[in-house]
Amino acid sequence: MKSKKARALIAEFPLERPPLFRKNFDSKHEAKHCPRCQGQFICKANRIHRCDCSNICLSFETIEYVRQLYDECLCLNCLKELEATVTSLK
């Protein structure tokens, strides 16, 4: 049980949880770390039509590049950066 002092501090300075870790977070989705940038993102691979990665059109070359280097999902920002880099090399 928390002391009166601890309860008063918590009431005065409530901790705000980051959006990824709020209790009402949809457990059907998964919080992941991007293997490229180490940033956190929500993977919705179980509902691919709602996943961020379904909102970007990657070239065949970019898809192959990502497949060769990474075993896990990448965040949308990294996918966009890689697509821009690979297409600029053509």
N, C-alpha and C. Protein backbone atom coordinates (compact mmCIF):
# COMPACT_ATOMS: atom_id res chain seq x y z
N MET A 1 0.84 -1.17 0.00
CA MET A 1 0.00 0.00 0.00
C MET A 1 0.89 1.25 0.00
N LYS A 2 0.47 2.25 -0.75
CA LYS A 2 1.26 3.47 -0.86
C LYS A 2 0.98 4.40 0.31
N SER A 3 2.01 5.10 0.72
CA SER A 3 1.87 6.05 1.81
C SER A 3 1.11 7.29 1.33
N LYS A 4 0.66 8.10 2.28
CA LYS A 4 -0.05 9.33 1.93
C LYS A 4 0.85 10.25 1.10
N LYS A 5 2.12 10.28 1.47
CA LYS A 5 3.08 11.14 0.75
C LYS A 5 3.23 10.67 -0.70
N ALA A 6 3.33 9.37 -0.90
CA ALA A 6 3.48 8.82 -2.25
C ALA A 6 2.22 9.09 -3.07
N ARG A 7 1.05 8.90 -2.47
CA ARG A 7 -0.21 9.17 -3.18
C ARG A 7 -0.31 10.64 -3.55
N ALA A 8 0.12 11.52 -2.65
CA ALA A 8 0.07 12.96 -2.92
C ALA A 8 0.99 13.33 -4.07
N LEU A 9 2.18 12.73 -4.10
CA LEU A 9 3.12 13.00 -5.19
C LEU A 9 2.57 12.50 -6.53
N ILE A 10 1.98 11.31 -6.51
CA ILE A 10 1.41 10.76 -7.74
C ILE A 10 0.27 11.62 -8.23
N ALA A 11 -0.56 12.11 -7.32
CA ALA A 11 -1.68 12.97 -7.69
C ALA A 11 -1.18 14.30 -8.26
N GLU A 12 -0.10 14.83 -7.67
CA GLU A 12 0.44 16.11 -8.11
C GLU A 12 1.21 15.99 -9.42
N PHE A 13 1.93 14.90 -9.61
CA PHE A 13 2.76 14.70 -10.79
C PHE A 13 2.43 13.35 -11.45
N PRO A 14 1.26 13.25 -12.07
CA PRO A 14 0.92 11.96 -12.68
C PRO A 14 1.87 11.65 -13.84
N LEU A 15 2.23 10.40 -13.96
CA LEU A 15 3.10 9.97 -15.05
C LEU A 15 2.27 9.76 -16.31
N GLU A 16 2.64 10.41 -17.36
CA GLU A 16 1.95 10.24 -18.63
C GLU A 16 2.63 9.12 -19.38
N ARG A 17 1.89 8.10 -19.71
CA ARG A 17 2.46 6.97 -20.46
C ARG A 17 2.53 7.34 -21.93
N PRO A 18 3.59 6.91 -22.62
CA PRO A 18 3.66 7.12 -24.05
C PRO A 18 2.50 6.39 -24.73
N PRO A 19 2.02 6.88 -25.88
CA PRO A 19 0.87 6.26 -26.55
C PRO A 19 1.04 4.76 -26.81
N LEU A 20 2.25 4.30 -27.06
CA LEU A 20 2.44 2.89 -27.37
C LEU A 20 2.16 1.99 -26.18
N PHE A 21 2.22 2.52 -24.99
CA PHE A 21 2.13 1.67 -23.81
C PHE A 21 0.94 1.99 -22.92
N ARG A 22 -0.03 2.71 -23.41
CA ARG A 22 -1.23 2.96 -22.63
C ARG A 22 -1.99 1.66 -22.43
N LYS A 23 -2.71 1.57 -21.35
CA LYS A 23 -3.42 0.34 -21.03
C LYS A 23 -4.47 -0.02 -22.08
N ASN A 24 -5.06 0.97 -22.76
CA ASN A 24 -6.09 0.67 -23.74
C ASN A 24 -5.51 0.34 -25.12
N PHE A 25 -4.23 0.13 -25.20
CA PHE A 25 -3.57 -0.24 -26.44
C PHE A 25 -4.16 -1.54 -26.98
N ASP A 26 -4.46 -1.59 -28.25
CA ASP A 26 -5.07 -2.77 -28.87
C ASP A 26 -4.07 -3.92 -28.84
N SER A 27 -4.37 -4.94 -28.07
CA SER A 27 -3.44 -6.06 -27.90
C SER A 27 -3.29 -6.88 -29.17
N LYS A 28 -4.11 -6.62 -30.17
CA LYS A 28 -3.99 -7.36 -31.43
C LYS A 28 -2.80 -6.84 -32.24
N HIS A 29 -2.31 -5.68 -31.90
CA HIS A 29 -1.16 -5.10 -32.57
C HIS A 29 0.05 -5.25 -31.66
N GLU A 30 1.22 -5.07 -32.24
CA GLU A 30 2.44 -5.31 -31.49
C GLU A 30 3.35 -4.10 -31.53
N ALA A 31 3.81 -3.66 -30.36
CA ALA A 31 4.81 -2.59 -30.30
C ALA A 31 6.16 -3.22 -30.61
N LYS A 32 6.85 -2.66 -31.59
CA LYS A 32 8.14 -3.21 -32.02
C LYS A 32 9.18 -2.11 -32.08
N HIS A 33 10.44 -2.54 -32.13
CA HIS A 33 11.56 -1.63 -32.40
C HIS A 33 12.01 -1.88 -33.82
N CYS A 34 12.17 -0.82 -34.57
CA CYS A 34 12.66 -0.93 -35.94
C CYS A 34 14.13 -1.37 -35.88
N PRO A 35 14.49 -2.44 -36.60
CA PRO A 35 15.87 -2.90 -36.56
C PRO A 35 16.85 -1.93 -37.24
N ARG A 36 16.34 -1.01 -38.03
CA ARG A 36 17.22 -0.06 -38.73
C ARG A 36 17.50 1.18 -37.90
N CYS A 37 16.44 1.80 -37.33
CA CYS A 37 16.63 3.06 -36.60
C CYS A 37 16.44 2.91 -35.09
N GLN A 38 16.01 1.75 -34.64
CA GLN A 38 15.74 1.44 -33.23
C GLN A 38 14.54 2.20 -32.67
N GLY A 39 13.80 2.89 -33.53
CA GLY A 39 12.61 3.60 -33.07
C GLY A 39 11.46 2.63 -32.82
N GLN A 40 10.51 3.04 -31.99
CA GLN A 40 9.36 2.21 -31.72
C GLN A 40 8.24 2.52 -32.69
N PHE A 41 7.49 1.48 -33.06
CA PHE A 41 6.33 1.66 -33.92
C PHE A 41 5.34 0.54 -33.64
N ILE A 42 4.14 0.70 -34.14
CA ILE A 42 3.11 -0.31 -33.97
C ILE A 42 3.03 -1.14 -35.24
N CYS A 43 3.24 -2.45 -35.08
CA CYS A 43 3.14 -3.38 -36.20
C CYS A 43 1.74 -3.96 -36.22
N LYS A 44 1.08 -3.83 -37.34
CA LYS A 44 -0.29 -4.36 -37.49
C LYS A 44 -0.31 -5.44 -38.55
N ALA A 45 0.72 -6.26 -38.58
CA ALA A 45 0.81 -7.30 -39.60
C ALA A 45 -0.36 -8.28 -39.54
N ASN A 46 -0.98 -8.40 -38.37
CA ASN A 46 -2.15 -9.27 -38.27
C ASN A 46 -3.38 -8.65 -38.91
N ARG A 47 -3.32 -7.37 -39.19
CA ARG A 47 -4.37 -6.65 -39.93
C ARG A 47 -3.68 -5.79 -40.97
N ILE A 48 -3.14 -6.45 -41.96
CA ILE A 48 -2.25 -5.78 -42.92
C ILE A 48 -2.91 -4.59 -43.61
N HIS A 49 -4.21 -4.62 -43.80
CA HIS A 49 -4.89 -3.49 -44.43
C HIS A 49 -4.86 -2.23 -43.57
N ARG A 50 -4.57 -2.37 -42.27
CA ARG A 50 -4.48 -1.23 -41.37
C ARG A 50 -3.04 -0.87 -41.03
N CYS A 51 -2.10 -1.65 -41.53
CA CYS A 51 -0.69 -1.44 -41.19
C CYS A 51 -0.11 -0.28 -42.00
N ASP A 52 0.80 0.47 -41.40
CA ASP A 52 1.44 1.60 -42.08
C ASP A 52 2.18 1.15 -43.34
N CYS A 53 2.75 -0.04 -43.31
CA CYS A 53 3.54 -0.48 -44.46
C CYS A 53 2.68 -0.73 -45.69
N SER A 54 1.37 -0.86 -45.51
CA SER A 54 0.50 -1.04 -46.68
C SER A 54 0.21 0.29 -47.37
N ASN A 55 0.66 1.39 -46.76
CA ASN A 55 0.43 2.73 -47.33
C ASN A 55 1.60 3.23 -48.17
N ILE A 56 2.56 2.38 -48.43
CA ILE A 56 3.71 2.78 -49.23
C ILE A 56 3.93 1.76 -50.33
N CYS A 57 4.25 2.26 -51.49
CA CYS A 57 4.51 1.38 -52.63
C CYS A 57 6.03 1.27 -52.81
N LEU A 58 6.56 0.10 -52.52
CA LEU A 58 8.01 -0.11 -52.63
C LEU A 58 8.35 -0.76 -53.95
N SER A 59 9.46 -0.36 -54.52
CA SER A 59 9.93 -0.98 -55.75
C SER A 59 10.42 -2.39 -55.46
N PHE A 60 10.51 -3.20 -56.48
CA PHE A 60 11.01 -4.57 -56.34
C PHE A 60 12.42 -4.55 -55.74
N GLU A 61 13.24 -3.61 -56.19
CA GLU A 61 14.62 -3.52 -55.69
C GLU A 61 14.67 -3.22 -54.20
N THR A 62 13.79 -2.33 -53.75
CA THR A 62 13.75 -1.99 -52.33
C THR A 62 13.28 -3.18 -51.50
N ILE A 63 12.27 -3.87 -51.98
CA ILE A 63 11.77 -5.05 -51.26
C ILE A 63 12.87 -6.09 -51.13
N GLU A 64 13.60 -6.34 -52.19
CA GLU A 64 14.69 -7.32 -52.14
C GLU A 64 15.81 -6.86 -51.20
N TYR A 65 16.12 -5.59 -51.23
CA TYR A 65 17.15 -5.03 -50.35
C TYR A 65 16.76 -5.23 -48.89
N VAL A 66 15.51 -4.90 -48.56
CA VAL A 66 15.02 -5.05 -47.19
C VAL A 66 15.03 -6.52 -46.78
N ARG A 67 14.59 -7.39 -47.66
CA ARG A 67 14.57 -8.83 -47.35
C ARG A 67 15.96 -9.38 -47.06
N GLN A 68 16.95 -8.88 -47.76
CA GLN A 68 18.32 -9.37 -47.57
C GLN A 68 18.93 -8.89 -46.25
N LEU A 69 18.54 -7.71 -45.81
CA LEU A 69 19.18 -7.12 -44.62
C LEU A 69 18.43 -7.31 -43.31
N TYR A 70 17.12 -7.45 -43.37
CA TYR A 70 16.32 -7.44 -42.14
C TYR A 70 15.37 -8.63 -42.09
N ASP A 71 15.21 -9.17 -40.89
CA ASP A 71 14.28 -10.27 -40.67
C ASP A 71 12.97 -9.79 -40.06
N GLU A 72 12.94 -8.57 -39.59
CA GLU A 72 11.76 -8.02 -38.91
C GLU A 72 11.19 -6.85 -39.70
N CYS A 73 10.01 -6.41 -39.29
CA CYS A 73 9.36 -5.25 -39.91
C CYS A 73 10.18 -3.98 -39.65
N LEU A 74 10.13 -3.06 -40.59
CA LEU A 74 10.75 -1.76 -40.44
C LEU A 74 9.66 -0.71 -40.27
N CYS A 75 9.99 0.39 -39.63
CA CYS A 75 9.02 1.47 -39.46
C CYS A 75 8.78 2.15 -40.81
N LEU A 76 7.69 2.88 -40.89
CA LEU A 76 7.31 3.55 -42.13
C LEU A 76 8.38 4.55 -42.57
N ASN A 77 8.95 5.30 -41.65
CA ASN A 77 9.98 6.28 -42.01
C ASN A 77 11.18 5.62 -42.66
N CYS A 78 11.62 4.48 -42.11
CA CYS A 78 12.76 3.78 -42.69
C CYS A 78 12.42 3.21 -44.06
N LEU A 79 11.21 2.70 -44.22
CA LEU A 79 10.79 2.19 -45.53
C LEU A 79 10.81 3.32 -46.57
N LYS A 80 10.31 4.48 -46.18
CA LYS A 80 10.32 5.64 -47.10
C LYS A 80 11.75 6.06 -47.44
N GLU A 81 12.62 6.10 -46.44
CA GLU A 81 14.01 6.49 -46.68
C GLU A 81 14.71 5.49 -47.60
N LEU A 82 14.50 4.21 -47.35
CA LEU A 82 15.13 3.19 -48.19
C LEU A 82 14.60 3.24 -49.62
N GLU A 83 13.32 3.45 -49.78
CA GLU A 83 12.74 3.57 -51.12
C GLU A 83 13.35 4.76 -51.86
N ALA A 84 13.49 5.87 -51.19
CA ALA A 84 14.09 7.06 -51.81
C ALA A 84 15.55 6.80 -52.18
N THR A 85 16.27 6.13 -51.30
CA THR A 85 17.69 5.85 -51.56
C THR A 85 17.85 4.89 -52.73
N VAL A 86 17.10 3.81 -52.72
CA VAL A 86 17.23 2.80 -53.77
C VAL A 86 16.78 3.36 -55.12
N THR A 87 15.70 4.11 -55.15
CA THR A 87 15.25 4.65 -56.43
C THR A 87 16.18 5.74 -56.95
N SER A 88 16.88 6.44 -56.04
CA SER A 88 17.83 7.48 -56.50
C SER A 88 19.08 6.84 -57.12
N LEU A 89 19.34 5.57 -56.81
CA LEU A 89 20.51 4.89 -57.37
C LEU A 89 20.26 4.30 -58.75
N LYS A 90 19.02 4.31 -59.17
CA LYS A 90 18.68 3.73 -60.50
C LYS A 90 19.21 4.56 -61.63
